Amino acid sequence: MARKPYARHPKTAARRETIIQAALACFVELGFASTTVEDIRRRSKASNGSLYHHFTNKDQLAVAVYLQGLTVYQTGLLKALERNPEAGSGVHAIVRYHLDWVRNHPDWARYLLEMRHAEFMVGSEAAIADQNHRFMERVVRWLERHIESGALRRLPPDLFLSLIIGPCQEYTRLRLAGRAQAKLSVAIEELAQAAWLSVRG
């Protein structure tokens, strides 16, 4: 009798996601160094076998949390650009999306800011670079259309994003530290307007 091809159980992806979310919560609440695999297992309500089926150790899980957060953030930003094909509305959408994402995902925002250069991330540089490269390819396609039309200045893509996201990141750090004075709605409007003035053609 021929063996049936292996089929992934439909609950496998959901279980992996639950473990990642539990790890994120533990890392933020307890600190990465103080969190144990057992803390994550209890929080996720996974069995030892299930947890180690997906992740061999805490470092691998920590990298998965980072990459998942990066994927969620970048996917949402690209969708925001797709919904705003014009240059001005697109620049405003980037700022609005970034700050709304920080408000809606404060744990992930804090984790992405604090863990980018953690020791456990060293072995994941190639994966992060590849993911960022694919993300930037799509952003550049959006940019090039508006640069050619004259709606945006002819700037290197990394400088373009630095002018837009850089100020947002500084506000994000203040907000996550509880030291932001401006309301989020005000920050979105002011930073979006400043970003547009810095990159418009």
N, C-alpha and C. Protein backbone atom coordinates (compact mmCIF):
# COMPACT_ATOMS: atom_id res chain seq x y z
N MET A 1 0.85 -1.19 0.00
CA MET A 1 0.00 0.00 0.00
C MET A 1 0.88 1.24 0.00
N ALA A 2 0.59 2.16 -0.89
CA ALA A 2 1.37 3.40 -0.97
C ALA A 2 1.02 4.30 0.20
N ARG A 3 2.07 4.94 0.72
CA ARG A 3 1.84 5.85 1.84
C ARG A 3 1.21 7.14 1.36
N LYS A 4 0.27 7.65 2.11
CA LYS A 4 -0.35 8.93 1.78
C LYS A 4 0.65 10.05 2.06
N PRO A 5 0.68 11.06 1.19
CA PRO A 5 1.59 12.18 1.43
C PRO A 5 1.25 12.86 2.75
N TYR A 6 2.30 13.33 3.42
CA TYR A 6 2.09 13.99 4.72
C TYR A 6 1.32 15.29 4.53
N ALA A 7 0.32 15.50 5.34
CA ALA A 7 -0.46 16.75 5.28
C ALA A 7 -0.34 17.45 6.63
N ARG A 8 0.02 18.71 6.59
CA ARG A 8 0.14 19.47 7.83
C ARG A 8 -1.22 19.63 8.48
N HIS A 9 -1.28 19.36 9.77
CA HIS A 9 -2.54 19.50 10.50
C HIS A 9 -2.95 20.97 10.49
N PRO A 10 -4.23 21.24 10.23
CA PRO A 10 -4.66 22.65 10.14
C PRO A 10 -4.43 23.45 11.41
N LYS A 11 -4.29 22.76 12.56
CA LYS A 11 -4.09 23.48 13.81
C LYS A 11 -2.62 23.81 14.06
N THR A 12 -1.71 23.28 13.23
CA THR A 12 -0.29 23.48 13.46
C THR A 12 0.10 24.95 13.39
N ALA A 13 -0.35 25.64 12.34
CA ALA A 13 -0.02 27.05 12.19
C ALA A 13 -0.59 27.87 13.34
N ALA A 14 -1.81 27.54 13.76
CA ALA A 14 -2.44 28.27 14.86
C ALA A 14 -1.67 28.04 16.16
N ARG A 15 -1.21 26.82 16.37
CA ARG A 15 -0.44 26.51 17.58
C ARG A 15 0.87 27.28 17.58
N ARG A 16 1.54 27.34 16.45
CA ARG A 16 2.80 28.08 16.34
C ARG A 16 2.57 29.55 16.64
N GLU A 17 1.49 30.10 16.11
CA GLU A 17 1.18 31.51 16.35
C GLU A 17 0.89 31.76 17.82
N THR A 18 0.19 30.84 18.47
CA THR A 18 -0.10 30.98 19.89
C THR A 18 1.19 31.00 20.72
N ILE A 19 2.13 30.14 20.35
CA ILE A 19 3.41 30.09 21.06
C ILE A 19 4.19 31.39 20.87
N ILE A 20 4.18 31.92 19.65
CA ILE A 20 4.89 33.17 19.37
C ILE A 20 4.28 34.31 20.18
N GLN A 21 2.95 34.39 20.21
CA GLN A 21 2.30 35.45 20.97
C GLN A 21 2.58 35.31 22.47
N ALA A 22 2.62 34.09 22.96
CA ALA A 22 2.92 33.87 24.38
C ALA A 22 4.36 34.27 24.68
N ALA A 23 5.27 33.95 23.78
CA ALA A 23 6.67 34.32 23.97
C ALA A 23 6.83 35.84 23.99
N LEU A 24 6.15 36.52 23.06
CA LEU A 24 6.21 37.98 23.02
C LEU A 24 5.75 38.58 24.35
N ALA A 25 4.63 38.09 24.85
CA ALA A 25 4.09 38.60 26.11
C ALA A 25 5.07 38.37 27.26
N CYS A 26 5.67 37.19 27.30
CA CYS A 26 6.63 36.87 28.37
C CYS A 26 7.88 37.74 28.26
N PHE A 27 8.40 37.90 27.05
CA PHE A 27 9.61 38.69 26.86
C PHE A 27 9.40 40.14 27.29
N VAL A 28 8.22 40.68 26.97
CA VAL A 28 7.93 42.08 27.32
C VAL A 28 7.69 42.23 28.82
N GLU A 29 6.94 41.30 29.40
CA GLU A 29 6.57 41.42 30.81
C GLU A 29 7.70 41.03 31.76
N LEU A 30 8.41 39.95 31.42
CA LEU A 30 9.43 39.42 32.33
C LEU A 30 10.85 39.82 31.94
N GLY A 31 11.02 40.26 30.69
CA GLY A 31 12.36 40.51 30.18
C GLY A 31 12.88 39.26 29.50
N PHE A 32 13.65 39.43 28.46
CA PHE A 32 14.14 38.26 27.72
C PHE A 32 14.99 37.35 28.59
N ALA A 33 15.92 37.93 29.32
CA ALA A 33 16.85 37.12 30.11
C ALA A 33 16.12 36.32 31.19
N SER A 34 15.09 36.89 31.78
CA SER A 34 14.38 36.23 32.88
C SER A 34 13.34 35.23 32.42
N THR A 35 12.94 35.30 31.15
CA THR A 35 11.93 34.39 30.64
C THR A 35 12.52 33.01 30.40
N THR A 36 11.81 31.98 30.82
CA THR A 36 12.22 30.61 30.56
C THR A 36 11.29 29.97 29.54
N VAL A 37 11.75 28.90 28.95
CA VAL A 37 10.90 28.17 28.02
C VAL A 37 9.65 27.67 28.73
N GLU A 38 9.79 27.32 30.00
CA GLU A 38 8.64 26.84 30.76
C GLU A 38 7.62 27.96 30.94
N ASP A 39 8.07 29.20 31.13
CA ASP A 39 7.15 30.34 31.21
C ASP A 39 6.30 30.44 29.94
N ILE A 40 6.98 30.30 28.82
CA ILE A 40 6.30 30.39 27.52
C ILE A 40 5.35 29.23 27.33
N ARG A 41 5.79 28.04 27.72
CA ARG A 41 4.94 26.85 27.57
C ARG A 41 3.66 27.00 28.37
N ARG A 42 3.80 27.47 29.62
CA ARG A 42 2.61 27.65 30.46
C ARG A 42 1.69 28.72 29.89
N ARG A 43 2.27 29.81 29.43
CA ARG A 43 1.46 30.91 28.89
C ARG A 43 0.71 30.48 27.63
N SER A 44 1.36 29.69 26.79
CA SER A 44 0.74 29.26 25.54
C SER A 44 -0.16 28.04 25.72
N LYS A 45 -0.05 27.41 26.90
CA LYS A 45 -0.81 26.18 27.19
C LYS A 45 -0.45 25.07 26.21
N ALA A 46 0.78 25.10 25.73
CA ALA A 46 1.26 24.06 24.82
C ALA A 46 1.94 22.96 25.62
N SER A 47 1.96 21.77 25.07
CA SER A 47 2.72 20.69 25.70
C SER A 47 4.19 20.88 25.37
N ASN A 48 5.06 20.22 26.12
CA ASN A 48 6.48 20.29 25.81
C ASN A 48 6.76 19.79 24.40
N GLY A 49 6.09 18.72 24.03
CA GLY A 49 6.31 18.16 22.70
C GLY A 49 5.90 19.13 21.61
N SER A 50 4.78 19.81 21.81
CA SER A 50 4.30 20.76 20.81
C SER A 50 5.24 21.94 20.69
N LEU A 51 5.70 22.47 21.82
CA LEU A 51 6.57 23.64 21.79
C LEU A 51 7.90 23.30 21.11
N TYR A 52 8.50 22.17 21.51
CA TYR A 52 9.80 21.82 20.94
C TYR A 52 9.68 21.29 19.51
N HIS A 53 8.48 20.94 19.10
CA HIS A 53 8.27 20.58 17.69
C HIS A 53 8.47 21.81 16.81
N HIS A 54 8.06 22.98 17.30
CA HIS A 54 8.16 24.21 16.53
C HIS A 54 9.48 24.95 16.75
N PHE A 55 9.98 24.92 17.99
CA PHE A 55 11.18 25.70 18.32
C PHE A 55 12.11 24.88 19.21
N THR A 56 13.37 24.83 18.82
CA THR A 56 14.32 23.98 19.56
C THR A 56 14.81 24.65 20.85
N ASN A 57 14.79 25.98 20.91
CA ASN A 57 15.25 26.67 22.11
C ASN A 57 14.68 28.09 22.17
N LYS A 58 14.98 28.79 23.25
CA LYS A 58 14.43 30.13 23.46
C LYS A 58 14.94 31.12 22.42
N ASP A 59 16.21 31.00 22.05
CA ASP A 59 16.77 31.93 21.07
C ASP A 59 16.07 31.81 19.72
N GLN A 60 15.83 30.59 19.29
CA GLN A 60 15.13 30.40 18.02
C GLN A 60 13.73 30.98 18.08
N LEU A 61 13.08 30.81 19.20
CA LEU A 61 11.74 31.37 19.39
C LEU A 61 11.78 32.89 19.39
N ALA A 62 12.80 33.46 20.01
CA ALA A 62 12.93 34.92 20.06
C ALA A 62 13.12 35.50 18.66
N VAL A 63 13.87 34.81 17.83
CA VAL A 63 14.05 35.25 16.44
C VAL A 63 12.72 35.16 15.69
N ALA A 64 11.97 34.10 15.91
CA ALA A 64 10.69 33.92 15.25
C ALA A 64 9.72 35.04 15.64
N VAL A 65 9.76 35.45 16.90
CA VAL A 65 8.92 36.55 17.36
C VAL A 65 9.29 37.83 16.61
N TYR A 66 10.58 38.07 16.47
CA TYR A 66 11.04 39.28 15.78
C TYR A 66 10.60 39.26 14.31
N LEU A 67 10.86 38.16 13.63
CA LEU A 67 10.53 38.07 12.21
C LEU A 67 9.02 38.16 11.98
N GLN A 68 8.24 37.58 12.88
CA GLN A 68 6.79 37.66 12.75
C GLN A 68 6.31 39.10 12.90
N GLY A 69 6.86 39.80 13.89
CA GLY A 69 6.49 41.20 14.08
C GLY A 69 6.88 42.04 12.88
N LEU A 70 8.06 41.81 12.34
CA LEU A 70 8.52 42.54 11.16
C LEU A 70 7.61 42.27 9.97
N THR A 71 7.21 41.03 9.81
CA THR A 71 6.33 40.65 8.70
C THR A 71 4.97 41.34 8.82
N VAL A 72 4.41 41.32 10.01
CA VAL A 72 3.11 41.96 10.23
C VAL A 72 3.20 43.46 9.93
N TYR A 73 4.25 44.09 10.42
CA TYR A 73 4.43 45.53 10.20
C TYR A 73 4.59 45.85 8.72
N GLN A 74 5.49 45.15 8.05
CA GLN A 74 5.77 45.46 6.65
C GLN A 74 4.60 45.14 5.74
N THR A 75 3.91 44.06 6.00
CA THR A 75 2.74 43.70 5.19
C THR A 75 1.67 44.77 5.29
N GLY A 76 1.43 45.25 6.48
CA GLY A 76 0.43 46.28 6.67
C GLY A 76 0.81 47.59 6.02
N LEU A 77 2.10 47.95 6.08
CA LEU A 77 2.54 49.20 5.46
C LEU A 77 2.38 49.14 3.94
N LEU A 78 2.72 48.01 3.34
CA LEU A 78 2.56 47.86 1.90
C LEU A 78 1.09 47.96 1.49
N LYS A 79 0.22 47.40 2.29
CA LYS A 79 -1.22 47.50 2.00
C LYS A 79 -1.69 48.95 2.11
N ALA A 80 -1.12 49.69 3.06
CA ALA A 80 -1.48 51.10 3.20
C ALA A 80 -1.07 51.88 1.96
N LEU A 81 0.10 51.56 1.40
CA LEU A 81 0.54 52.21 0.17
C LEU A 81 -0.36 51.84 -1.01
N GLU A 82 -0.78 50.59 -1.07
CA GLU A 82 -1.66 50.15 -2.15
C GLU A 82 -2.99 50.90 -2.11
N ARG A 83 -3.46 51.20 -0.90
CA ARG A 83 -4.74 51.91 -0.76
C ARG A 83 -4.59 53.41 -1.03
N ASN A 84 -3.34 53.88 -1.08
CA ASN A 84 -3.08 55.31 -1.28
C ASN A 84 -2.06 55.48 -2.40
N PRO A 85 -2.50 55.33 -3.65
CA PRO A 85 -1.57 55.36 -4.77
C PRO A 85 -0.97 56.72 -5.08
N GLU A 86 -1.60 57.82 -4.63
CA GLU A 86 -1.05 59.14 -4.90
C GLU A 86 0.10 59.46 -3.94
N ALA A 87 1.01 60.32 -4.39
CA ALA A 87 2.21 60.60 -3.61
C ALA A 87 1.89 61.20 -2.24
N GLY A 88 1.10 62.26 -2.22
CA GLY A 88 0.80 62.92 -0.96
C GLY A 88 0.06 62.04 0.02
N SER A 89 -0.97 61.37 -0.46
CA SER A 89 -1.75 60.50 0.43
C SER A 89 -0.92 59.30 0.87
N GLY A 90 0.01 58.85 0.00
CA GLY A 90 0.86 57.72 0.36
C GLY A 90 1.82 58.06 1.47
N VAL A 91 2.46 59.24 1.39
CA VAL A 91 3.38 59.66 2.45
C VAL A 91 2.63 59.81 3.77
N HIS A 92 1.47 60.43 3.72
CA HIS A 92 0.65 60.55 4.94
C HIS A 92 0.27 59.17 5.47
N ALA A 93 -0.03 58.24 4.56
CA ALA A 93 -0.44 56.90 4.97
C ALA A 93 0.68 56.16 5.68
N ILE A 94 1.93 56.36 5.23
CA ILE A 94 3.06 55.71 5.89
C ILE A 94 3.16 56.15 7.34
N VAL A 95 3.09 57.47 7.56
CA VAL A 95 3.18 57.99 8.93
C VAL A 95 2.00 57.52 9.77
N ARG A 96 0.81 57.63 9.21
CA ARG A 96 -0.40 57.23 9.94
C ARG A 96 -0.35 55.74 10.28
N TYR A 97 0.05 54.91 9.30
CA TYR A 97 0.11 53.48 9.55
C TYR A 97 1.13 53.16 10.64
N HIS A 98 2.32 53.76 10.54
CA HIS A 98 3.38 53.47 11.51
C HIS A 98 2.92 53.76 12.93
N LEU A 99 2.36 54.94 13.15
CA LEU A 99 1.99 55.32 14.50
C LEU A 99 0.74 54.58 14.99
N ASP A 100 -0.18 54.29 14.09
CA ASP A 100 -1.34 53.47 14.48
C ASP A 100 -0.89 52.06 14.84
N TRP A 101 0.09 51.54 14.10
CA TRP A 101 0.59 50.19 14.38
C TRP A 101 1.24 50.13 15.76
N VAL A 102 1.99 51.17 16.09
CA VAL A 102 2.62 51.22 17.42
C VAL A 102 1.54 51.27 18.51
N ARG A 103 0.49 52.03 18.27
CA ARG A 103 -0.60 52.10 19.25
C ARG A 103 -1.30 50.74 19.40
N ASN A 104 -1.52 50.07 18.29
CA ASN A 104 -2.27 48.81 18.32
C ASN A 104 -1.41 47.60 18.68
N HIS A 105 -0.09 47.71 18.51
CA HIS A 105 0.82 46.60 18.81
C HIS A 105 2.00 47.08 19.65
N PRO A 106 1.74 47.65 20.83
CA PRO A 106 2.84 48.21 21.62
C PRO A 106 3.90 47.20 22.02
N ASP A 107 3.49 45.97 22.31
CA ASP A 107 4.49 44.96 22.70
C ASP A 107 5.42 44.64 21.55
N TRP A 108 4.86 44.43 20.37
CA TRP A 108 5.70 44.15 19.21
C TRP A 108 6.58 45.35 18.87
N ALA A 109 6.03 46.55 18.94
CA ALA A 109 6.81 47.75 18.65
C ALA A 109 8.00 47.86 19.60
N ARG A 110 7.76 47.63 20.87
CA ARG A 110 8.83 47.68 21.86
C ARG A 110 9.87 46.59 21.59
N TYR A 111 9.40 45.41 21.26
CA TYR A 111 10.31 44.29 21.02
C TYR A 111 11.18 44.55 19.79
N LEU A 112 10.58 45.06 18.71
CA LEU A 112 11.35 45.33 17.50
C LEU A 112 12.39 46.41 17.74
N LEU A 113 12.07 47.39 18.55
CA LEU A 113 13.03 48.46 18.84
C LEU A 113 14.17 47.96 19.72
N GLU A 114 13.84 47.18 20.73
CA GLU A 114 14.83 46.82 21.73
C GLU A 114 15.68 45.60 21.37
N MET A 115 15.16 44.71 20.53
CA MET A 115 15.83 43.44 20.30
C MET A 115 16.57 43.34 18.96
N ARG A 116 16.54 44.40 18.16
CA ARG A 116 17.15 44.30 16.83
C ARG A 116 18.60 43.87 16.90
N HIS A 117 19.35 44.32 17.88
CA HIS A 117 20.78 44.00 17.95
C HIS A 117 21.11 43.09 19.13
N ALA A 118 20.12 42.35 19.59
CA ALA A 118 20.36 41.40 20.67
C ALA A 118 21.27 40.28 20.18
N GLU A 119 21.97 39.64 21.10
CA GLU A 119 22.94 38.61 20.73
C GLU A 119 22.29 37.46 19.96
N PHE A 120 21.07 37.09 20.33
CA PHE A 120 20.43 35.96 19.68
C PHE A 120 20.06 36.25 18.22
N MET A 121 20.11 37.53 17.81
CA MET A 121 19.74 37.89 16.45
C MET A 121 20.87 37.68 15.44
N VAL A 122 22.06 37.45 15.91
CA VAL A 122 23.24 37.37 15.02
C VAL A 122 23.03 36.36 13.90
N GLY A 123 22.53 35.21 14.21
CA GLY A 123 22.37 34.18 13.19
C GLY A 123 21.21 34.39 12.24
N SER A 124 20.42 35.44 12.48
CA SER A 124 19.24 35.68 11.64
C SER A 124 19.43 36.85 10.68
N GLU A 125 20.64 37.39 10.61
CA GLU A 125 20.88 38.58 9.78
C GLU A 125 20.51 38.34 8.32
N ALA A 126 20.83 37.17 7.79
CA ALA A 126 20.53 36.88 6.39
C ALA A 126 19.03 36.87 6.14
N ALA A 127 18.28 36.28 7.07
CA ALA A 127 16.82 36.21 6.92
C ALA A 127 16.20 37.60 7.00
N ILE A 128 16.70 38.43 7.91
CA ILE A 128 16.19 39.79 8.05
C ILE A 128 16.53 40.61 6.81
N ALA A 129 17.76 40.46 6.32
CA ALA A 129 18.18 41.20 5.13
C ALA A 129 17.33 40.82 3.93
N ASP A 130 17.04 39.53 3.79
CA ASP A 130 16.22 39.07 2.66
C ASP A 130 14.80 39.62 2.77
N GLN A 131 14.25 39.59 3.95
CA GLN A 131 12.89 40.10 4.14
C GLN A 131 12.84 41.61 3.87
N ASN A 132 13.83 42.34 4.38
CA ASN A 132 13.86 43.78 4.16
C ASN A 132 14.07 44.11 2.68
N HIS A 133 14.85 43.29 2.00
CA HIS A 133 15.10 43.52 0.57
C HIS A 133 13.80 43.37 -0.22
N ARG A 134 13.03 42.35 0.06
CA ARG A 134 11.76 42.15 -0.65
C ARG A 134 10.77 43.27 -0.34
N PHE A 135 10.78 43.73 0.90
CA PHE A 135 9.93 44.84 1.29
C PHE A 135 10.32 46.11 0.54
N MET A 136 11.63 46.40 0.51
CA MET A 136 12.10 47.63 -0.14
C MET A 136 11.88 47.60 -1.64
N GLU A 137 11.93 46.44 -2.25
CA GLU A 137 11.66 46.35 -3.69
C GLU A 137 10.28 46.90 -4.02
N ARG A 138 9.31 46.56 -3.19
CA ARG A 138 7.94 47.02 -3.44
C ARG A 138 7.78 48.51 -3.11
N VAL A 139 8.47 48.97 -2.07
CA VAL A 139 8.41 50.39 -1.74
C VAL A 139 9.06 51.20 -2.86
N VAL A 140 10.18 50.72 -3.38
CA VAL A 140 10.90 51.43 -4.45
C VAL A 140 10.04 51.53 -5.70
N ARG A 141 9.28 50.48 -6.01
CA ARG A 141 8.40 50.55 -7.18
C ARG A 141 7.37 51.67 -7.02
N TRP A 142 6.85 51.81 -5.81
CA TRP A 142 5.90 52.89 -5.53
C TRP A 142 6.59 54.25 -5.65
N LEU A 143 7.80 54.35 -5.11
CA LEU A 143 8.54 55.59 -5.14
C LEU A 143 8.89 56.02 -6.57
N GLU A 144 9.39 55.08 -7.35
CA GLU A 144 9.88 55.41 -8.68
C GLU A 144 8.80 56.04 -9.54
N ARG A 145 7.59 55.55 -9.40
CA ARG A 145 6.48 56.10 -10.19
C ARG A 145 6.29 57.58 -9.89
N HIS A 146 6.39 57.94 -8.63
CA HIS A 146 6.16 59.33 -8.24
C HIS A 146 7.39 60.21 -8.45
N ILE A 147 8.57 59.61 -8.41
CA ILE A 147 9.78 60.38 -8.73
C ILE A 147 9.77 60.74 -10.20
N GLU A 148 9.41 59.79 -11.06
CA GLU A 148 9.36 60.05 -12.49
C GLU A 148 8.33 61.11 -12.84
N SER A 149 7.24 61.15 -12.11
CA SER A 149 6.19 62.14 -12.39
C SER A 149 6.53 63.51 -11.83
N GLY A 150 7.55 63.56 -10.96
CA GLY A 150 7.93 64.83 -10.35
C GLY A 150 7.23 65.11 -9.05
N ALA A 151 6.36 64.20 -8.61
CA ALA A 151 5.62 64.42 -7.37
C ALA A 151 6.51 64.29 -6.14
N LEU A 152 7.58 63.46 -6.25
CA LEU A 152 8.52 63.28 -5.15
C LEU A 152 9.93 63.65 -5.60
N ARG A 153 10.74 64.10 -4.66
CA ARG A 153 12.13 64.41 -4.94
C ARG A 153 12.89 63.14 -5.31
N ARG A 154 13.95 63.31 -6.09
CA ARG A 154 14.77 62.17 -6.47
C ARG A 154 15.78 61.91 -5.36
N LEU A 155 15.40 61.02 -4.44
CA LEU A 155 16.22 60.68 -3.29
C LEU A 155 16.47 59.19 -3.25
N PRO A 156 17.60 58.74 -2.69
CA PRO A 156 17.80 57.30 -2.47
C PRO A 156 16.69 56.76 -1.57
N PRO A 157 16.21 55.55 -1.82
CA PRO A 157 15.10 55.00 -1.02
C PRO A 157 15.35 55.00 0.48
N ASP A 158 16.60 54.70 0.89
CA ASP A 158 16.86 54.67 2.33
C ASP A 158 16.75 56.06 2.95
N LEU A 159 17.17 57.09 2.21
CA LEU A 159 17.05 58.45 2.71
C LEU A 159 15.58 58.87 2.75
N PHE A 160 14.83 58.45 1.74
CA PHE A 160 13.40 58.76 1.69
C PHE A 160 12.71 58.22 2.94
N LEU A 161 12.95 56.94 3.25
CA LEU A 161 12.30 56.35 4.43
C LEU A 161 12.83 56.95 5.73
N SER A 162 14.11 57.34 5.74
CA SER A 162 14.66 57.96 6.95
C SER A 162 13.96 59.28 7.25
N LEU A 163 13.68 60.05 6.20
CA LEU A 163 13.01 61.33 6.39
C LEU A 163 11.58 61.15 6.89
N ILE A 164 10.94 60.05 6.47
CA ILE A 164 9.55 59.83 6.86
C ILE A 164 9.44 59.06 8.18
N ILE A 165 10.15 57.94 8.27
CA ILE A 165 10.02 57.07 9.43
C ILE A 165 10.89 57.52 10.60
N GLY A 166 12.03 58.16 10.32
CA GLY A 166 12.94 58.57 11.39
C GLY A 166 12.26 59.37 12.49
N PRO A 167 11.57 60.47 12.15
CA PRO A 167 10.87 61.23 13.19
C PRO A 167 9.77 60.40 13.89
N CYS A 168 9.12 59.53 13.14
CA CYS A 168 8.10 58.67 13.74
C CYS A 168 8.72 57.74 14.77
N GLN A 169 9.92 57.22 14.47
CA GLN A 169 10.59 56.33 15.40
C GLN A 169 10.95 57.05 16.69
N GLU A 170 11.37 58.30 16.58
CA GLU A 170 11.71 59.05 17.79
C GLU A 170 10.47 59.26 18.65
N TYR A 171 9.35 59.61 18.01
CA TYR A 171 8.10 59.75 18.76
C TYR A 171 7.68 58.41 19.36
N THR A 172 7.90 57.34 18.61
CA THR A 172 7.56 56.00 19.09
C THR A 172 8.32 55.68 20.37
N ARG A 173 9.63 55.99 20.41
CA ARG A 173 10.43 55.72 21.61
C ARG A 173 9.88 56.49 22.80
N LEU A 174 9.53 57.74 22.58
CA LEU A 174 8.97 58.55 23.67
C LEU A 174 7.63 57.99 24.13
N ARG A 175 6.80 57.58 23.17
CA ARG A 175 5.48 57.05 23.51
C ARG A 175 5.59 55.75 24.30
N LEU A 176 6.46 54.86 23.86
CA LEU A 176 6.60 53.58 24.54
C LEU A 176 7.22 53.74 25.93
N ALA A 177 7.99 54.81 26.10
CA ALA A 177 8.59 55.07 27.41
C ALA A 177 7.66 55.88 28.31
N GLY A 178 6.47 56.24 27.77
CA GLY A 178 5.51 57.00 28.55
C GLY A 178 5.88 58.47 28.69
N ARG A 179 6.72 58.97 27.77
CA ARG A 179 7.19 60.35 27.89
C ARG A 179 6.70 61.25 26.74
N ALA A 180 5.82 60.73 25.90
CA ALA A 180 5.30 61.55 24.80
C ALA A 180 4.30 62.56 25.33
N GLN A 181 4.43 63.80 24.93
CA GLN A 181 3.52 64.84 25.39
C GLN A 181 2.39 65.08 24.39
N ALA A 182 2.69 64.97 23.11
CA ALA A 182 1.66 65.20 22.09
C ALA A 182 0.73 64.01 21.99
N LYS A 183 -0.55 64.28 21.78
CA LYS A 183 -1.51 63.21 21.54
C LYS A 183 -1.17 62.52 20.22
N LEU A 184 -1.56 61.26 20.10
CA LEU A 184 -1.23 60.51 18.90
C LEU A 184 -1.82 61.17 17.66
N SER A 185 -3.05 61.63 17.74
CA SER A 185 -3.70 62.25 16.58
C SER A 185 -2.93 63.49 16.12
N VAL A 186 -2.44 64.26 17.08
CA VAL A 186 -1.65 65.46 16.75
C VAL A 186 -0.32 65.05 16.14
N ALA A 187 0.31 64.04 16.72
CA ALA A 187 1.60 63.57 16.20
C ALA A 187 1.46 63.08 14.76
N ILE A 188 0.40 62.36 14.48
CA ILE A 188 0.19 61.85 13.12
C ILE A 188 0.09 63.00 12.13
N GLU A 189 -0.72 64.00 12.44
CA GLU A 189 -0.91 65.12 11.53
C GLU A 189 0.36 65.94 11.35
N GLU A 190 1.04 66.24 12.44
CA GLU A 190 2.24 67.08 12.36
C GLU A 190 3.39 66.35 11.68
N LEU A 191 3.60 65.09 12.03
CA LEU A 191 4.71 64.34 11.44
C LEU A 191 4.43 64.02 9.97
N ALA A 192 3.18 63.76 9.63
CA ALA A 192 2.84 63.49 8.24
C ALA A 192 3.06 64.73 7.37
N GLN A 193 2.66 65.89 7.89
CA GLN A 193 2.85 67.13 7.15
C GLN A 193 4.34 67.43 6.98
N ALA A 194 5.12 67.23 8.05
CA ALA A 194 6.56 67.48 7.97
C ALA A 194 7.23 66.51 6.99
N ALA A 195 6.79 65.26 6.99
CA ALA A 195 7.34 64.27 6.06
C ALA A 195 7.06 64.65 4.63
N TRP A 196 5.84 65.09 4.36
CA TRP A 196 5.46 65.47 3.01
C TRP A 196 6.28 66.67 2.53
N LEU A 197 6.47 67.66 3.37
CA LEU A 197 7.25 68.83 3.00
C LEU A 197 8.70 68.48 2.72
N SER A 198 9.21 67.42 3.36
CA SER A 198 10.62 67.06 3.18
C SER A 198 10.87 66.23 1.93
N VAL A 199 9.84 65.60 1.36
CA VAL A 199 10.08 64.71 0.21
C VAL A 199 9.32 65.10 -1.05
N ARG A 200 8.42 66.04 -0.97
CA ARG A 200 7.62 66.37 -2.14
C ARG A 200 8.48 66.99 -3.24
N GLY A 201 8.05 66.81 -4.48
CA GLY A 201 8.81 67.31 -5.61
C GLY A 201 8.65 68.81 -5.78
